């Protein structure tokens, strides 16, 4: 699978056990096309990395940063590690979500969150990770409209986050979330 952007070109190995193995899904593409450049250094997070398209673009765009990637799927973590090595992106660290090596805060979070895990589990997941945003940092989440992007934005706002729609295309929304 290929990720072709004006500033980054990646060839990624995928597998049927990961999200969207046959193509770069339109939501991920929208996030890659519309999120602002990541901070040049510090700790960046891809929450729910899959085989790594978001993580590897973060790593390529911010080579002095440490890009932490988490996923509950061990096959996805393995693929992300392999894809980072193939792309010579040594600044990627792929770990399970409960790994003690993970830093306490992040300068940016990018995620195509696992909406299908259910609303309660999703809210718990996002609450735990968004709490780790450094002061002044933001998360960029891509969510399909018919899978609840508008209700997620409302929930985030009601939970005390500043959540705004930054982009929309083909039924997907990119939400910017900050304190």
N, C-alpha and C. Protein backbone atom coordinates (compact mmCIF):
# COMPACT_ATOMS: atom_id res chain seq x y z
N UNK A 1 0.86 -1.16 0.00
CA UNK A 1 0.00 0.00 0.00
C UNK A 1 0.90 1.23 0.00
N UNK A 2 0.49 2.26 -0.73
CA UNK A 2 1.32 3.46 -0.84
C UNK A 2 0.61 4.66 -0.21
N UNK A 3 1.40 5.49 0.45
CA UNK A 3 0.95 6.79 0.95
C UNK A 3 1.72 7.82 0.15
N UNK A 4 1.00 8.57 -0.67
CA UNK A 4 1.63 9.57 -1.53
C UNK A 4 1.07 10.94 -1.17
N UNK A 5 1.95 11.77 -0.61
CA UNK A 5 1.61 13.14 -0.24
C UNK A 5 2.62 14.07 -0.88
N UNK A 6 2.36 15.36 -0.94
CA UNK A 6 3.34 16.26 -1.56
C UNK A 6 4.73 16.18 -0.94
N UNK A 7 4.80 15.91 0.37
CA UNK A 7 6.09 15.92 1.07
C UNK A 7 6.56 14.54 1.54
N UNK A 8 5.75 13.51 1.37
CA UNK A 8 6.09 12.18 1.89
C UNK A 8 5.61 11.12 0.91
N UNK A 9 6.46 10.12 0.67
CA UNK A 9 6.07 8.95 -0.11
C UNK A 9 6.49 7.71 0.67
N UNK A 10 5.52 6.87 0.98
CA UNK A 10 5.80 5.67 1.76
C UNK A 10 5.17 4.45 1.10
N UNK A 11 5.86 3.33 1.18
CA UNK A 11 5.31 2.04 0.80
C UNK A 11 5.17 1.23 2.09
N UNK A 12 3.95 0.81 2.39
CA UNK A 12 3.67 0.15 3.66
C UNK A 12 3.16 -1.27 3.45
N UNK A 13 3.67 -2.20 4.24
CA UNK A 13 3.13 -3.55 4.28
C UNK A 13 1.86 -3.54 5.12
N UNK A 14 0.86 -4.28 4.71
CA UNK A 14 -0.40 -4.37 5.44
C UNK A 14 -0.76 -5.84 5.63
N UNK A 15 -1.86 -6.08 6.30
CA UNK A 15 -2.30 -7.44 6.54
C UNK A 15 -3.81 -7.43 6.75
N UNK A 16 -4.45 -8.53 6.44
CA UNK A 16 -5.90 -8.60 6.56
C UNK A 16 -6.38 -8.45 8.01
N UNK A 17 -5.50 -8.60 8.98
CA UNK A 17 -5.88 -8.45 10.38
C UNK A 17 -5.82 -7.03 10.89
N UNK A 18 -5.64 -6.05 9.99
CA UNK A 18 -5.54 -4.65 10.41
C UNK A 18 -6.60 -3.82 9.71
N UNK A 19 -6.80 -2.61 10.20
CA UNK A 19 -7.80 -1.70 9.63
C UNK A 19 -7.40 -1.27 8.23
N UNK A 20 -8.32 -1.36 7.29
CA UNK A 20 -8.17 -0.90 5.91
C UNK A 20 -6.86 -1.39 5.25
N UNK A 21 -6.68 -2.70 5.17
CA UNK A 21 -5.42 -3.23 4.65
C UNK A 21 -5.20 -3.03 3.15
N UNK A 22 -6.26 -2.84 2.39
CA UNK A 22 -6.10 -2.77 0.94
C UNK A 22 -5.85 -1.39 0.37
N UNK A 23 -6.13 -0.36 1.19
CA UNK A 23 -5.98 1.01 0.68
C UNK A 23 -5.92 1.97 1.86
N UNK A 24 -5.42 3.14 1.59
CA UNK A 24 -5.45 4.20 2.60
C UNK A 24 -6.90 4.67 2.69
N UNK A 25 -7.51 4.49 3.85
CA UNK A 25 -8.93 4.82 3.94
C UNK A 25 -9.13 6.33 3.81
N UNK A 26 -10.29 6.77 3.33
CA UNK A 26 -10.53 8.20 3.07
C UNK A 26 -10.42 9.08 4.31
N UNK A 27 -10.78 8.56 5.49
CA UNK A 27 -10.66 9.36 6.71
C UNK A 27 -9.22 9.64 7.06
N UNK A 28 -8.38 8.61 7.01
CA UNK A 28 -6.96 8.79 7.27
C UNK A 28 -6.36 9.77 6.26
N UNK A 29 -6.75 9.63 5.01
CA UNK A 29 -6.25 10.54 3.97
C UNK A 29 -6.64 11.98 4.29
N UNK A 30 -7.88 12.19 4.72
CA UNK A 30 -8.33 13.54 5.07
C UNK A 30 -7.49 14.11 6.21
N UNK A 31 -7.23 13.31 7.22
CA UNK A 31 -6.40 13.78 8.34
C UNK A 31 -5.00 14.14 7.85
N UNK A 32 -4.41 13.29 7.03
CA UNK A 32 -3.06 13.56 6.50
C UNK A 32 -3.04 14.83 5.64
N UNK A 33 -4.12 15.07 4.91
CA UNK A 33 -4.19 16.24 4.02
C UNK A 33 -4.46 17.54 4.77
N UNK A 34 -5.10 17.47 5.94
CA UNK A 34 -5.59 18.71 6.55
C UNK A 34 -5.01 19.06 7.91
N UNK A 35 -4.42 18.10 8.62
CA UNK A 35 -3.85 18.43 9.93
C UNK A 35 -2.65 19.35 9.74
N UNK A 36 -2.46 20.30 10.65
CA UNK A 36 -1.29 21.16 10.53
C UNK A 36 -0.01 20.34 10.74
N UNK A 37 1.12 20.87 10.30
CA UNK A 37 2.38 20.15 10.51
C UNK A 37 2.58 19.84 11.99
N UNK A 38 3.12 18.68 12.30
CA UNK A 38 3.35 18.35 13.71
C UNK A 38 4.49 19.18 14.28
N UNK A 39 4.56 19.27 15.61
CA UNK A 39 5.71 19.94 16.23
C UNK A 39 7.01 19.28 15.76
N UNK A 40 8.05 20.06 15.63
CA UNK A 40 9.31 19.56 15.09
C UNK A 40 10.01 18.58 16.03
N UNK A 41 9.73 18.69 17.33
CA UNK A 41 10.37 17.78 18.27
C UNK A 41 9.41 17.47 19.40
N UNK A 42 9.87 16.69 20.35
CA UNK A 42 9.03 16.30 21.47
C UNK A 42 8.40 14.95 21.24
N UNK A 43 7.38 14.65 22.03
CA UNK A 43 6.68 13.36 21.98
C UNK A 43 5.35 13.52 21.27
N UNK A 44 5.17 12.77 20.18
CA UNK A 44 3.96 12.79 19.38
C UNK A 44 3.31 11.42 19.48
N UNK A 45 2.00 11.34 19.35
CA UNK A 45 1.30 10.06 19.53
C UNK A 45 0.36 9.79 18.37
N UNK A 46 0.41 8.55 17.87
CA UNK A 46 -0.61 8.01 16.98
C UNK A 46 -1.37 6.98 17.81
N UNK A 47 -2.61 7.30 18.14
CA UNK A 47 -3.45 6.44 18.96
C UNK A 47 -4.23 5.50 18.07
N UNK A 48 -3.95 4.19 18.18
CA UNK A 48 -4.59 3.20 17.31
C UNK A 48 -3.90 3.16 15.97
N UNK A 49 -2.63 2.85 15.96
CA UNK A 49 -1.76 3.05 14.80
C UNK A 49 -2.05 2.17 13.60
N UNK A 50 -2.66 1.01 13.78
CA UNK A 50 -2.79 0.10 12.65
C UNK A 50 -1.41 -0.23 12.11
N UNK A 51 -1.29 -0.33 10.81
CA UNK A 51 0.02 -0.64 10.22
C UNK A 51 0.91 0.59 10.06
N UNK A 52 0.42 1.77 10.47
CA UNK A 52 1.28 2.92 10.63
C UNK A 52 1.21 4.10 9.70
N UNK A 53 0.18 4.28 8.86
CA UNK A 53 0.22 5.44 7.95
C UNK A 53 0.31 6.79 8.66
N UNK A 54 -0.46 6.99 9.72
CA UNK A 54 -0.39 8.28 10.43
C UNK A 54 0.95 8.43 11.13
N UNK A 55 1.37 7.39 11.83
CA UNK A 55 2.63 7.44 12.58
C UNK A 55 3.82 7.73 11.69
N UNK A 56 3.88 7.07 10.54
CA UNK A 56 5.05 7.23 9.68
C UNK A 56 5.07 8.59 9.00
N UNK A 57 3.91 9.15 8.72
CA UNK A 57 3.89 10.51 8.19
C UNK A 57 4.32 11.49 9.29
N UNK A 58 3.83 11.30 10.51
CA UNK A 58 4.30 12.14 11.62
C UNK A 58 5.82 12.06 11.73
N UNK A 59 6.36 10.84 11.70
CA UNK A 59 7.81 10.64 11.85
C UNK A 59 8.59 11.27 10.70
N UNK A 60 8.08 11.16 9.50
CA UNK A 60 8.77 11.75 8.34
C UNK A 60 8.73 13.27 8.38
N UNK A 61 7.61 13.82 8.83
CA UNK A 61 7.47 15.27 8.88
C UNK A 61 8.18 15.90 10.09
N UNK A 62 8.44 15.12 11.11
CA UNK A 62 9.10 15.63 12.32
C UNK A 62 10.22 14.67 12.73
N UNK A 63 11.31 14.64 11.96
CA UNK A 63 12.36 13.65 12.23
C UNK A 63 13.07 13.81 13.58
N UNK A 64 13.00 14.98 14.19
CA UNK A 64 13.63 15.17 15.50
C UNK A 64 12.69 14.80 16.65
N UNK A 65 11.44 14.50 16.34
CA UNK A 65 10.47 14.13 17.36
C UNK A 65 10.52 12.63 17.63
N UNK A 66 9.96 12.24 18.76
CA UNK A 66 9.76 10.83 19.07
C UNK A 66 8.28 10.56 18.80
N UNK A 67 8.01 9.62 17.91
CA UNK A 67 6.63 9.29 17.56
C UNK A 67 6.27 7.98 18.25
N UNK A 68 5.37 8.07 19.20
CA UNK A 68 4.90 6.93 19.96
C UNK A 68 3.63 6.43 19.30
N UNK A 69 3.54 5.14 19.09
CA UNK A 69 2.35 4.58 18.47
C UNK A 69 1.83 3.45 19.36
N UNK A 70 0.54 3.46 19.58
CA UNK A 70 -0.08 2.44 20.41
C UNK A 70 -1.23 1.78 19.67
N UNK A 71 -1.40 0.51 19.96
CA UNK A 71 -2.51 -0.25 19.40
C UNK A 71 -2.66 -1.50 20.27
N UNK A 72 -3.88 -2.00 20.39
CA UNK A 72 -4.09 -3.24 21.12
C UNK A 72 -3.81 -4.45 20.24
N UNK A 73 -3.73 -4.25 18.94
CA UNK A 73 -3.49 -5.32 17.98
C UNK A 73 -1.98 -5.52 17.82
N UNK A 74 -1.46 -6.64 18.31
CA UNK A 74 -0.03 -6.91 18.24
C UNK A 74 0.46 -7.03 16.80
N UNK A 75 -0.36 -7.57 15.92
CA UNK A 75 0.01 -7.67 14.50
C UNK A 75 0.17 -6.27 13.91
N UNK A 76 -0.70 -5.36 14.27
CA UNK A 76 -0.60 -3.98 13.79
C UNK A 76 0.69 -3.34 14.29
N UNK A 77 1.02 -3.54 15.55
CA UNK A 77 2.27 -2.98 16.09
C UNK A 77 3.48 -3.54 15.36
N UNK A 78 3.47 -4.84 15.09
CA UNK A 78 4.57 -5.47 14.37
C UNK A 78 4.71 -4.88 12.96
N UNK A 79 3.59 -4.72 12.27
CA UNK A 79 3.63 -4.13 10.93
C UNK A 79 4.12 -2.69 10.98
N UNK A 80 3.67 -1.92 11.96
CA UNK A 80 4.10 -0.53 12.09
C UNK A 80 5.61 -0.47 12.32
N UNK A 81 6.12 -1.33 13.20
CA UNK A 81 7.57 -1.37 13.44
C UNK A 81 8.33 -1.70 12.16
N UNK A 82 7.84 -2.71 11.45
CA UNK A 82 8.51 -3.13 10.21
C UNK A 82 8.45 -2.02 9.16
N UNK A 83 7.30 -1.37 9.04
CA UNK A 83 7.17 -0.27 8.08
C UNK A 83 8.08 0.90 8.43
N UNK A 84 8.21 1.19 9.72
CA UNK A 84 9.12 2.26 10.14
C UNK A 84 10.56 1.90 9.80
N UNK A 85 10.95 0.66 10.03
CA UNK A 85 12.32 0.22 9.71
C UNK A 85 12.56 0.28 8.20
N UNK A 86 11.61 -0.17 7.42
CA UNK A 86 11.75 -0.14 5.95
C UNK A 86 11.89 1.30 5.45
N UNK A 87 11.17 2.22 6.07
CA UNK A 87 11.21 3.63 5.66
C UNK A 87 12.37 4.39 6.31
N UNK A 88 13.20 3.68 7.10
CA UNK A 88 14.34 4.28 7.80
C UNK A 88 13.90 5.42 8.73
N UNK A 89 12.79 5.20 9.41
CA UNK A 89 12.26 6.17 10.38
C UNK A 89 12.54 5.64 11.78
N UNK A 90 13.71 5.95 12.28
CA UNK A 90 14.16 5.42 13.57
C UNK A 90 13.49 6.11 14.76
N UNK A 91 12.70 7.14 14.52
CA UNK A 91 12.07 7.89 15.61
C UNK A 91 10.68 7.36 15.98
N UNK A 92 10.32 6.16 15.52
CA UNK A 92 9.02 5.56 15.81
C UNK A 92 9.18 4.48 16.88
N UNK A 93 8.33 4.54 17.90
CA UNK A 93 8.30 3.54 18.97
C UNK A 93 6.89 2.97 19.05
N UNK A 94 6.71 1.71 18.69
CA UNK A 94 5.39 1.06 18.69
C UNK A 94 5.26 0.18 19.92
N UNK A 95 4.26 0.50 20.76
CA UNK A 95 4.09 -0.18 22.04
C UNK A 95 2.62 -0.47 22.33
N UNK A 96 2.40 -1.39 23.23
CA UNK A 96 1.04 -1.64 23.72
C UNK A 96 0.61 -0.45 24.57
N UNK A 97 -0.70 -0.18 24.67
CA UNK A 97 -1.18 1.00 25.39
C UNK A 97 -0.81 1.05 26.87
N UNK A 98 -0.52 -0.08 27.48
CA UNK A 98 -0.20 -0.09 28.90
C UNK A 98 1.30 -0.17 29.17
N UNK A 99 2.11 0.02 28.15
CA UNK A 99 3.56 -0.07 28.31
C UNK A 99 4.06 1.09 29.18
N UNK A 100 4.94 0.77 30.12
CA UNK A 100 5.44 1.78 31.06
C UNK A 100 6.47 2.72 30.44
N UNK A 101 6.94 2.42 29.24
CA UNK A 101 7.88 3.31 28.55
C UNK A 101 7.20 4.56 27.99
N UNK A 102 5.89 4.51 27.81
CA UNK A 102 5.17 5.63 27.20
C UNK A 102 5.33 6.90 28.04
N UNK A 103 5.56 8.04 27.39
CA UNK A 103 5.72 9.29 28.14
C UNK A 103 4.40 9.76 28.75
N UNK A 104 4.49 10.64 29.74
CA UNK A 104 3.27 11.12 30.41
C UNK A 104 2.48 12.16 29.62
N UNK A 105 3.12 12.80 28.63
CA UNK A 105 2.39 13.83 27.87
C UNK A 105 2.88 13.88 26.42
N UNK A 106 2.03 14.48 25.58
CA UNK A 106 2.31 14.54 24.14
C UNK A 106 2.05 15.94 23.61
N UNK A 107 2.86 16.34 22.63
CA UNK A 107 2.71 17.65 21.99
C UNK A 107 1.62 17.63 20.92
N UNK A 108 1.29 16.45 20.41
CA UNK A 108 0.17 16.30 19.47
C UNK A 108 -0.25 14.83 19.49
N UNK A 109 -1.55 14.62 19.26
CA UNK A 109 -2.09 13.27 19.08
C UNK A 109 -2.84 13.28 17.75
N UNK A 110 -2.54 12.29 16.92
CA UNK A 110 -3.32 12.04 15.70
C UNK A 110 -3.98 10.69 15.87
N UNK A 111 -5.25 10.58 15.47
CA UNK A 111 -5.93 9.30 15.60
C UNK A 111 -7.10 9.17 14.65
N UNK A 112 -7.22 7.98 14.10
CA UNK A 112 -8.43 7.52 13.46
C UNK A 112 -8.98 6.51 14.48
N UNK A 113 -9.71 7.02 15.49
CA UNK A 113 -10.03 6.18 16.65
C UNK A 113 -10.94 5.00 16.30
N UNK A 114 -10.88 3.96 17.11
CA UNK A 114 -11.68 2.75 16.86
C UNK A 114 -13.13 2.94 17.28
N UNK A 115 -13.89 3.62 16.49
CA UNK A 115 -15.28 3.97 16.79
C UNK A 115 -16.12 2.73 17.09
N UNK A 116 -15.86 1.65 16.39
CA UNK A 116 -16.70 0.45 16.50
C UNK A 116 -16.53 -0.32 17.81
N UNK A 117 -15.67 0.15 18.71
CA UNK A 117 -15.54 -0.53 20.01
C UNK A 117 -16.71 -0.19 20.93
N UNK A 118 -17.53 0.75 20.52
CA UNK A 118 -18.68 1.15 21.33
C UNK A 118 -18.44 2.50 22.00
N UNK A 119 -19.52 3.20 22.22
CA UNK A 119 -19.45 4.57 22.74
C UNK A 119 -18.76 4.64 24.10
N UNK A 120 -19.16 3.77 25.02
CA UNK A 120 -18.58 3.83 26.37
C UNK A 120 -17.07 3.55 26.33
N UNK A 121 -16.68 2.49 25.63
CA UNK A 121 -15.25 2.15 25.54
C UNK A 121 -14.47 3.25 24.82
N UNK A 122 -15.07 3.83 23.78
CA UNK A 122 -14.41 4.91 23.05
C UNK A 122 -14.21 6.13 23.96
N UNK A 123 -15.24 6.48 24.71
CA UNK A 123 -15.13 7.63 25.61
C UNK A 123 -14.05 7.39 26.67
N UNK A 124 -13.98 6.19 27.21
CA UNK A 124 -12.93 5.87 28.19
C UNK A 124 -11.55 5.96 27.55
N UNK A 125 -11.41 5.41 26.35
CA UNK A 125 -10.14 5.45 25.63
C UNK A 125 -9.69 6.89 25.40
N UNK A 126 -10.59 7.70 24.84
CA UNK A 126 -10.23 9.07 24.52
C UNK A 126 -9.97 9.90 25.79
N UNK A 127 -10.77 9.71 26.81
CA UNK A 127 -10.55 10.44 28.06
C UNK A 127 -9.14 10.18 28.59
N UNK A 128 -8.75 8.93 28.62
CA UNK A 128 -7.44 8.57 29.14
C UNK A 128 -6.29 9.17 28.36
N UNK A 129 -6.39 9.17 27.04
CA UNK A 129 -5.27 9.67 26.22
C UNK A 129 -5.31 11.17 26.05
N UNK A 130 -6.48 11.77 25.91
CA UNK A 130 -6.55 13.23 25.76
C UNK A 130 -6.04 13.93 27.01
N UNK A 131 -6.22 13.30 28.16
CA UNK A 131 -5.69 13.85 29.41
C UNK A 131 -4.18 14.03 29.36
N UNK A 132 -3.53 13.31 28.45
CA UNK A 132 -2.07 13.33 28.36
C UNK A 132 -1.56 14.39 27.38
N UNK A 133 -2.45 15.22 26.84
CA UNK A 133 -1.99 16.32 25.99
C UNK A 133 -1.22 17.34 26.84
N UNK A 134 -0.08 17.75 26.35
CA UNK A 134 0.70 18.79 27.03
C UNK A 134 -0.07 20.12 26.96
N UNK A 135 0.21 21.05 27.87
CA UNK A 135 -0.44 22.36 27.79
C UNK A 135 -0.22 22.99 26.41
N UNK A 136 -1.29 23.48 25.83
CA UNK A 136 -1.22 24.10 24.51
C UNK A 136 -1.24 23.13 23.35
N UNK A 137 -1.25 21.83 23.63
CA UNK A 137 -1.24 20.81 22.57
C UNK A 137 -2.66 20.49 22.13
N UNK A 138 -2.77 19.81 20.99
CA UNK A 138 -4.07 19.43 20.46
C UNK A 138 -4.03 18.02 19.89
N UNK A 139 -5.20 17.42 19.84
CA UNK A 139 -5.39 16.14 19.16
C UNK A 139 -6.20 16.37 17.90
N UNK A 140 -5.91 15.59 16.89
CA UNK A 140 -6.66 15.63 15.64
C UNK A 140 -7.23 14.24 15.42
N UNK A 141 -8.56 14.16 15.46
CA UNK A 141 -9.27 12.90 15.34
C UNK A 141 -10.09 12.91 14.06
N UNK A 142 -10.06 11.82 13.31
CA UNK A 142 -10.90 11.71 12.13
C UNK A 142 -11.98 10.68 12.40
N UNK A 143 -13.23 11.08 12.14
CA UNK A 143 -14.37 10.22 12.42
C UNK A 143 -15.37 10.36 11.28
N UNK A 144 -15.92 9.24 10.87
CA UNK A 144 -16.93 9.25 9.82
C UNK A 144 -18.23 9.84 10.38
N UNK A 145 -18.88 10.67 9.60
CA UNK A 145 -20.11 11.33 10.04
C UNK A 145 -21.17 10.31 10.44
N UNK A 146 -21.39 9.30 9.60
CA UNK A 146 -22.45 8.34 9.92
C UNK A 146 -22.06 7.36 11.02
N UNK A 147 -20.83 7.44 11.54
CA UNK A 147 -20.43 6.65 12.70
C UNK A 147 -20.33 7.51 13.96
N UNK A 148 -20.85 8.75 13.88
CA UNK A 148 -20.99 9.53 15.10
C UNK A 148 -20.04 10.69 15.31
N UNK A 149 -19.49 11.26 14.26
CA UNK A 149 -18.56 12.37 14.46
C UNK A 149 -19.22 13.55 15.18
N UNK A 150 -20.45 13.86 14.83
CA UNK A 150 -21.11 15.01 15.45
C UNK A 150 -21.42 14.74 16.93
N UNK A 151 -21.88 13.54 17.25
CA UNK A 151 -22.16 13.23 18.65
C UNK A 151 -20.86 13.13 19.46
N UNK A 152 -19.78 12.67 18.84
CA UNK A 152 -18.49 12.64 19.52
C UNK A 152 -18.03 14.06 19.82
N UNK A 153 -18.18 14.95 18.86
CA UNK A 153 -17.80 16.34 19.08
C UNK A 153 -18.62 16.94 20.22
N UNK A 154 -19.92 16.67 20.25
CA UNK A 154 -20.77 17.16 21.34
C UNK A 154 -20.31 16.60 22.68
N UNK A 155 -20.02 15.29 22.74
CA UNK A 155 -19.58 14.68 23.98
C UNK A 155 -18.25 15.29 24.45
N UNK A 156 -17.33 15.49 23.53
CA UNK A 156 -16.04 16.10 23.90
C UNK A 156 -16.25 17.48 24.51
N UNK A 157 -17.10 18.28 23.88
CA UNK A 157 -17.38 19.62 24.39
C UNK A 157 -18.03 19.56 25.77
N UNK A 158 -19.01 18.68 25.94
CA UNK A 158 -19.68 18.53 27.23
C UNK A 158 -18.73 18.01 28.31
N UNK A 159 -17.66 17.34 27.88
CA UNK A 159 -16.67 16.79 28.81
C UNK A 159 -15.56 17.79 29.14
N UNK A 160 -15.70 19.02 28.65
CA UNK A 160 -14.76 20.07 29.01
C UNK A 160 -13.65 20.32 28.01
N UNK A 161 -13.69 19.66 26.87
CA UNK A 161 -12.68 19.86 25.83
C UNK A 161 -13.18 20.89 24.83
N UNK A 162 -12.27 21.59 24.23
CA UNK A 162 -12.62 22.47 23.11
C UNK A 162 -12.50 21.60 21.86
N UNK A 163 -13.62 21.29 21.25
CA UNK A 163 -13.63 20.42 20.07
C UNK A 163 -14.27 21.17 18.91
N UNK A 164 -13.50 21.30 17.83
CA UNK A 164 -14.03 22.00 16.66
C UNK A 164 -13.75 21.19 15.41
N UNK A 165 -14.66 21.30 14.47
CA UNK A 165 -14.47 20.63 13.18
C UNK A 165 -13.47 21.44 12.36
N UNK A 166 -12.39 20.80 11.95
CA UNK A 166 -11.35 21.47 11.17
C UNK A 166 -11.45 21.19 9.69
N UNK A 167 -12.04 20.04 9.32
CA UNK A 167 -12.14 19.69 7.91
C UNK A 167 -13.26 18.67 7.74
N UNK A 168 -13.80 18.59 6.54
CA UNK A 168 -14.82 17.60 6.21
C UNK A 168 -14.70 17.26 4.73
N UNK A 169 -14.85 15.97 4.45
CA UNK A 169 -14.83 15.52 3.05
C UNK A 169 -15.37 14.09 2.99
N UNK A 170 -16.23 13.86 2.03
CA UNK A 170 -16.74 12.52 1.73
C UNK A 170 -17.30 11.81 2.97
N UNK A 171 -17.99 12.55 3.83
CA UNK A 171 -18.60 11.95 5.00
C UNK A 171 -17.69 11.80 6.20
N UNK A 172 -16.47 12.31 6.14
CA UNK A 172 -15.53 12.25 7.25
C UNK A 172 -15.33 13.64 7.83
N UNK A 173 -15.03 13.69 9.12
CA UNK A 173 -14.77 14.94 9.82
C UNK A 173 -13.44 14.83 10.55
N UNK A 174 -12.65 15.89 10.50
CA UNK A 174 -11.45 15.98 11.34
C UNK A 174 -11.79 16.95 12.46
N UNK A 175 -11.66 16.45 13.68
CA UNK A 175 -11.92 17.26 14.86
C UNK A 175 -10.59 17.64 15.51
N UNK A 176 -10.48 18.91 15.86
CA UNK A 176 -9.33 19.38 16.66
C UNK A 176 -9.82 19.46 18.10
N UNK A 177 -9.10 18.80 18.99
CA UNK A 177 -9.49 18.72 20.40
C UNK A 177 -8.36 19.28 21.25
N UNK A 178 -8.69 20.23 22.12
CA UNK A 178 -7.70 20.84 23.02
C UNK A 178 -8.38 21.14 24.35
N UNK A 179 -7.55 21.47 25.34
CA UNK A 179 -8.10 21.81 26.67
C UNK A 179 -8.85 23.11 26.62
